[in-house]
Amino acid sequence: MKLLIVDDEPLARSALIQLCEWSNDVQVVGEAASGGAAIEAAEKLHPDVMLLDVELPDMTGFEVLRVARSERRPLGIMVTAHTDYAVSAYEAGALDYLVKPVTADRFARSMERARQYCNRKIVFDAFTRSSPGAQPAQETGGLPGTLAKLIIGEREHRFYPLNPESIDYIESDGNYVTIHTGNAKYISRDSLKRLSVDLADLGFVRIERSLLVNIRAVVHLEAVGRGAFAFTLSRPPGHHEPVNSRCPRS
């Protein structure tokens, strides 16, 4: 695993580097003393994991994690002397929360957790690439000139490959997204911004900042107020679910 260490205190960075030396498969690819430097380093170095102090000179570690994950989606592990940021850390999508001084045992457990997540991602990336769903759409009955894609959704600690055609809509949920398919819901660590680009050629429309709708699942639109529409989606068996959006009328 490639790690980027972000802390404005040189001694704190050195302590984390020493802990990393105990793991044979952990490589520290860079260090940063500020949020801006961390974001720039993440773009260039593509780390698997970022070890982030919460309080940085120019921004918080949470802000760094949000920006970095919108592009490359590295895992974030918060490392801080404060115990009262734990809830905020998990709301920001952090994988773990370490309190300084970090013991070797606690660090090893955190690395094992990150290792398991990275290994699962490698498996699912390989599965997606090798799946028939990754063939050109004209060969799989999809839209001409596009590529069918699989989206990985998580539910009850299990991961499922989802065909985009089965997805009704996707909504932003903090640093996650919730994927709605029929009567089931899944979560994903992907960003709505990335999904809106990847799925645009498959009929998905971002009708507002936090909502991405599969236009093929829409039964009808209804004007419900000034500049607002209700999107009614088909749901098996014969059920319909309204999705409200302030989508401006042209």
Protein backbone atom coordinates (compact mmCIF):
# COMPACT_ATOMS: atom_id res chain seq x y z
CA MET A 1 0.00 0.00 0.00
CA LYS A 2 1.16 3.50 -0.81
CA LEU A 3 0.77 5.99 2.05
CA LEU A 4 0.80 9.78 2.15
CA ILE A 5 1.46 11.28 5.60
CA VAL A 6 -0.11 14.68 6.30
CA ASP A 7 0.82 16.55 9.49
CA ASP A 8 2.23 20.00 10.12
CA GLU A 9 4.54 18.68 12.86
CA PRO A 10 7.77 17.04 11.59
CA LEU A 11 8.09 14.88 14.72
CA ALA A 12 4.57 13.53 14.24
CA ARG A 13 5.36 12.63 10.63
CA SER A 14 8.57 10.92 11.69
CA ALA A 15 6.72 8.86 14.29
CA LEU A 16 4.27 7.61 11.68
CA ILE A 17 7.07 6.81 9.24
CA GLN A 18 8.72 4.67 11.92
CA LEU A 19 5.47 2.78 12.47
CA CYS A 20 5.19 2.18 8.73
CA GLU A 21 8.60 0.53 8.70
CA TRP A 22 7.15 -2.42 10.65
CA SER A 23 4.95 -3.36 7.67
CA ASN A 24 6.65 -4.87 4.65
CA ASP A 25 3.88 -3.97 2.22
CA VAL A 26 3.56 -0.32 3.30
CA GLN A 27 5.41 2.34 1.35
CA VAL A 28 5.46 5.99 2.35
CA VAL A 29 5.36 7.80 -0.99
CA GLY A 30 5.22 11.33 0.36
CA GLU A 31 4.75 13.80 3.20
CA ALA A 32 2.81 17.06 3.44
CA ALA A 33 2.67 19.75 6.11
CA SER A 34 -0.51 21.50 4.91
CA GLY A 35 -3.83 20.72 3.33
CA GLY A 36 -2.98 22.33 0.01
CA ALA A 37 0.29 20.42 -0.22
CA ALA A 38 -1.54 17.19 0.65
CA ILE A 39 -4.09 17.63 -2.14
CA GLU A 40 -1.33 18.38 -4.65
CA ALA A 41 0.68 15.36 -3.48
CA ALA A 42 -2.36 13.09 -3.70
CA GLU A 43 -2.94 14.14 -7.32
CA LYS A 44 0.67 13.38 -8.25
CA LEU A 45 1.45 10.32 -6.09
CA HIS A 46 -1.91 8.49 -6.12
CA PRO A 47 -1.65 7.06 -2.58
CA ASP A 48 -3.89 4.22 -1.47
CA VAL A 49 -4.12 5.66 2.05
CA MET A 50 -3.74 9.14 3.52
CA LEU A 51 -2.78 9.50 7.20
CA LEU A 52 -4.27 12.86 8.07
CA ASP A 53 -3.95 15.17 11.05
CA VAL A 54 -7.25 16.94 11.72
CA GLU A 55 -5.89 20.43 12.41
CA LEU A 56 -3.73 21.72 9.56
CA PRO A 57 -2.53 25.30 8.96
CA ASP A 58 -4.79 26.03 5.98
CA MET A 59 -7.71 23.63 6.30
CA THR A 60 -8.90 20.59 8.22
CA GLY A 61 -7.96 17.04 7.43
CA PHE A 62 -11.64 16.40 6.72
CA GLU A 63 -11.60 18.98 3.95
CA VAL A 64 -8.46 17.43 2.48
CA LEU A 65 -10.12 14.01 2.47
CA ARG A 66 -13.26 15.30 0.75
CA VAL A 67 -11.27 16.97 -2.04
CA ALA A 68 -8.85 14.07 -2.51
CA ARG A 69 -11.63 11.48 -2.59
CA SER A 70 -13.57 13.38 -5.23
CA GLU A 71 -10.68 12.73 -7.63
CA ARG A 72 -8.67 9.62 -6.72
CA ARG A 73 -10.62 8.18 -3.77
CA PRO A 74 -7.74 7.29 -1.44
CA LEU A 75 -8.67 5.88 1.95
CA GLY A 76 -8.39 8.34 4.82
CA ILE A 77 -7.19 7.55 8.34
CA MET A 78 -7.34 10.44 10.77
CA VAL A 79 -4.42 10.74 13.23
CA THR A 80 -4.91 13.36 15.93
CA ALA A 81 -4.26 14.16 19.58
CA HIS A 82 -7.95 15.01 20.05
CA THR A 83 -10.65 12.49 20.91
CA ASP A 84 -13.66 14.65 20.08
CA TYR A 85 -13.40 14.51 16.27
CA ALA A 86 -14.29 10.83 15.88
CA VAL A 87 -17.89 11.36 14.80
CA SER A 88 -16.87 14.02 12.29
CA ALA A 89 -14.16 11.71 10.95
CA TYR A 90 -16.58 8.92 10.13
CA GLU A 91 -19.10 11.37 8.70
CA ALA A 92 -16.32 12.55 6.38
CA GLY A 93 -15.80 8.98 5.22
CA ALA A 94 -12.61 8.19 7.15
CA LEU A 95 -11.74 4.51 7.40
CA ASP A 96 -10.25 4.78 10.90
CA TYR A 97 -9.46 7.22 13.70
CA LEU A 98 -6.15 7.05 15.58
CA VAL A 99 -5.38 9.05 18.72
CA LYS A 100 -1.80 10.22 19.34
CA PRO A 101 0.46 8.81 20.59
CA VAL A 102 -0.32 5.88 18.31
CA THR A 103 0.85 2.49 19.55
CA ALA A 104 2.41 -0.07 17.21
CA ASP A 105 -0.43 -2.52 17.86
CA ARG A 106 -3.17 0.00 17.14
CA PHE A 107 -1.38 1.17 13.98
CA ALA A 108 -0.98 -2.42 12.78
CA ARG A 109 -4.71 -3.05 13.21
CA SER A 110 -5.51 0.10 11.25
CA MET A 111 -3.17 -0.94 8.45
CA GLU A 112 -4.76 -4.38 8.32
CA ARG A 113 -8.17 -2.79 7.97
CA ALA A 114 -6.90 -0.60 5.12
CA ARG A 115 -5.16 -3.59 3.54
CA GLN A 116 -8.38 -5.63 3.50
CA TYR A 117 -10.29 -2.78 1.91
CA CYS A 118 -7.60 -2.22 -0.76
CA ASN A 119 -7.53 -5.94 -1.56
CA ARG A 120 -11.30 -6.02 -1.98
CA LYS A 121 -11.11 -3.03 -4.30
CA ILE A 122 -8.48 -4.77 -6.45
CA VAL A 123 -10.68 -7.85 -6.72
CA PHE A 124 -13.76 -5.88 -7.69
CA ASP A 125 -11.86 -3.73 -10.18
CA ALA A 126 -10.58 -6.91 -11.83
CA PHE A 127 -14.06 -8.42 -11.74
CA THR A 128 -15.54 -5.34 -13.40
CA ARG A 129 -12.90 -5.32 -16.14
CA SER A 130 -13.33 -9.04 -16.87
CA SER A 131 -17.14 -9.07 -16.65
CA PRO A 132 -19.22 -9.42 -19.82
CA GLY A 133 -20.79 -6.14 -18.75
CA ALA A 134 -17.56 -4.39 -19.68
CA GLN A 135 -17.86 -5.36 -23.36
CA PRO A 136 -19.04 -2.82 -25.95
CA ALA A 137 -22.74 -2.15 -25.53
CA GLN A 138 -23.64 -3.12 -29.08
CA GLU A 139 -22.50 -6.66 -28.20
CA THR A 140 -24.53 -6.80 -24.99
CA GLY A 141 -27.78 -5.21 -26.12
CA GLY A 142 -27.05 -1.87 -24.48
CA LEU A 143 -26.99 1.59 -25.99
CA PRO A 144 -25.11 1.83 -29.32
CA GLY A 145 -21.69 3.44 -29.18
CA THR A 146 -21.42 3.29 -25.39
CA LEU A 147 -19.79 0.97 -22.90
CA ALA A 148 -21.89 -1.00 -20.45
CA LYS A 149 -20.49 -0.57 -16.95
CA LEU A 150 -20.87 -2.30 -13.63
CA ILE A 151 -21.26 -0.33 -10.41
CA ILE A 152 -20.19 -1.96 -7.15
CA GLY A 153 -22.73 -1.50 -4.37
CA GLU A 154 -22.36 -2.51 -0.73
CA ARG A 155 -25.16 -3.80 1.48
CA GLU A 156 -24.81 -5.49 4.88
CA HIS A 157 -21.03 -5.87 4.41
CA ARG A 158 -21.46 -7.66 1.08
CA PHE A 159 -20.52 -6.25 -2.32
CA TYR A 160 -22.69 -6.62 -5.41
CA PRO A 161 -22.00 -5.83 -9.09
CA LEU A 162 -24.93 -3.69 -10.29
CA ASN A 163 -25.95 -3.26 -13.90
CA PRO A 164 -26.72 0.44 -14.45
CA GLU A 165 -29.95 -0.53 -16.24
CA SER A 166 -31.25 -1.88 -12.91
CA ILE A 167 -30.56 1.40 -11.07
CA ASP A 168 -33.46 3.82 -10.63
CA TYR A 169 -31.58 6.70 -9.05
CA ILE A 170 -28.49 7.58 -7.03
CA GLU A 171 -28.41 10.17 -4.29
CA SER A 172 -25.55 11.79 -2.42
CA ASP A 173 -25.26 10.80 1.23
CA GLY A 174 -22.36 12.69 2.78
CA ASN A 175 -19.14 11.17 1.44
CA TYR A 176 -21.02 8.15 0.14
CA VAL A 177 -23.80 7.67 -2.38
CA THR A 178 -26.92 5.57 -1.96
CA ILE A 179 -27.91 3.51 -5.00
CA HIS A 180 -31.60 2.65 -5.38
CA THR A 181 -32.50 -0.43 -7.44
CA GLY A 182 -36.08 -1.63 -7.30
CA ASN A 183 -36.80 -2.17 -3.60
CA ALA A 184 -33.13 -2.50 -2.61
CA LYS A 185 -30.57 0.10 -1.53
CA TYR A 186 -26.79 -0.06 -1.70
CA ILE A 187 -24.02 2.31 -0.69
CA SER A 188 -20.88 3.18 -2.59
CA ARG A 189 -17.77 5.21 -1.79
CA ASP A 190 -17.85 6.62 -5.30
CA SER A 191 -18.76 10.27 -5.79
CA LEU A 192 -21.92 11.52 -7.48
CA LYS A 193 -19.75 13.77 -9.63
CA ARG A 194 -17.78 10.84 -11.02
CA LEU A 195 -20.87 8.67 -11.51
CA SER A 196 -22.71 11.46 -13.33
CA VAL A 197 -19.89 11.56 -15.88
CA ASP A 198 -19.45 7.77 -16.17
CA LEU A 199 -23.18 7.10 -16.57
CA ALA A 200 -24.18 10.08 -18.71
CA ASP A 201 -24.09 8.04 -21.93
CA LEU A 202 -26.34 5.40 -20.33
CA GLY A 203 -29.25 7.75 -19.78
CA PHE A 204 -28.49 9.09 -16.29
CA VAL A 205 -29.27 12.75 -15.69
CA ARG A 206 -28.12 14.83 -12.74
CA ILE A 207 -31.32 16.72 -11.99
CA GLU A 208 -29.86 18.50 -8.98
CA ARG A 209 -26.62 18.64 -7.00
CA SER A 210 -27.38 15.55 -4.93
CA LEU A 211 -29.52 13.44 -7.27
CA LEU A 212 -28.75 11.35 -10.35
CA VAL A 213 -31.74 9.75 -12.10
CA ASN A 214 -31.94 6.99 -14.69
CA ILE A 215 -34.24 8.62 -17.22
CA ARG A 216 -35.51 5.18 -18.31
CA ALA A 217 -36.97 4.65 -14.84
CA VAL A 218 -39.07 7.81 -15.04
CA VAL A 219 -42.79 7.22 -15.59
CA HIS A 220 -43.72 10.90 -15.68
CA LEU A 221 -42.80 14.36 -14.40
CA GLU A 222 -45.18 16.62 -12.53
CA ALA A 223 -44.79 20.32 -11.84
CA VAL A 224 -45.22 20.71 -8.08
CA GLY A 225 -44.18 24.29 -7.53
CA ARG A 226 -42.19 27.16 -8.90
CA GLY A 227 -39.22 25.64 -10.66
CA ALA A 228 -39.80 22.21 -9.04
CA PHE A 229 -40.76 18.83 -10.46
CA ALA A 230 -41.67 15.49 -8.94
CA PHE A 231 -40.16 12.55 -10.83
CA THR A 232 -42.28 9.40 -10.54
CA LEU A 233 -40.26 6.25 -11.05
CA SER A 234 -41.47 2.78 -11.96
CA ARG A 235 -40.86 0.27 -9.18
CA PRO A 236 -41.68 -3.43 -9.31
CA PRO A 237 -44.20 -4.85 -8.89
CA GLY A 238 -46.30 -2.00 -10.29
CA HIS A 239 -45.31 0.35 -7.46
CA HIS A 240 -44.38 3.98 -8.13
CA GLU A 241 -42.11 6.16 -6.05
CA PRO A 242 -42.02 9.97 -6.32
CA VAL A 243 -38.63 11.70 -6.27
CA ASN A 244 -38.85 15.44 -5.71
CA SER A 245 -36.37 17.85 -7.25
CA ARG A 246 -36.12 21.58 -7.76
CA CYS A 247 -35.33 21.18 -11.43
CA PRO A 248 -35.80 24.49 -13.32
CA ARG A 249 -38.29 24.50 -16.16
CA SER A 250 -37.06 25.60 -19.55
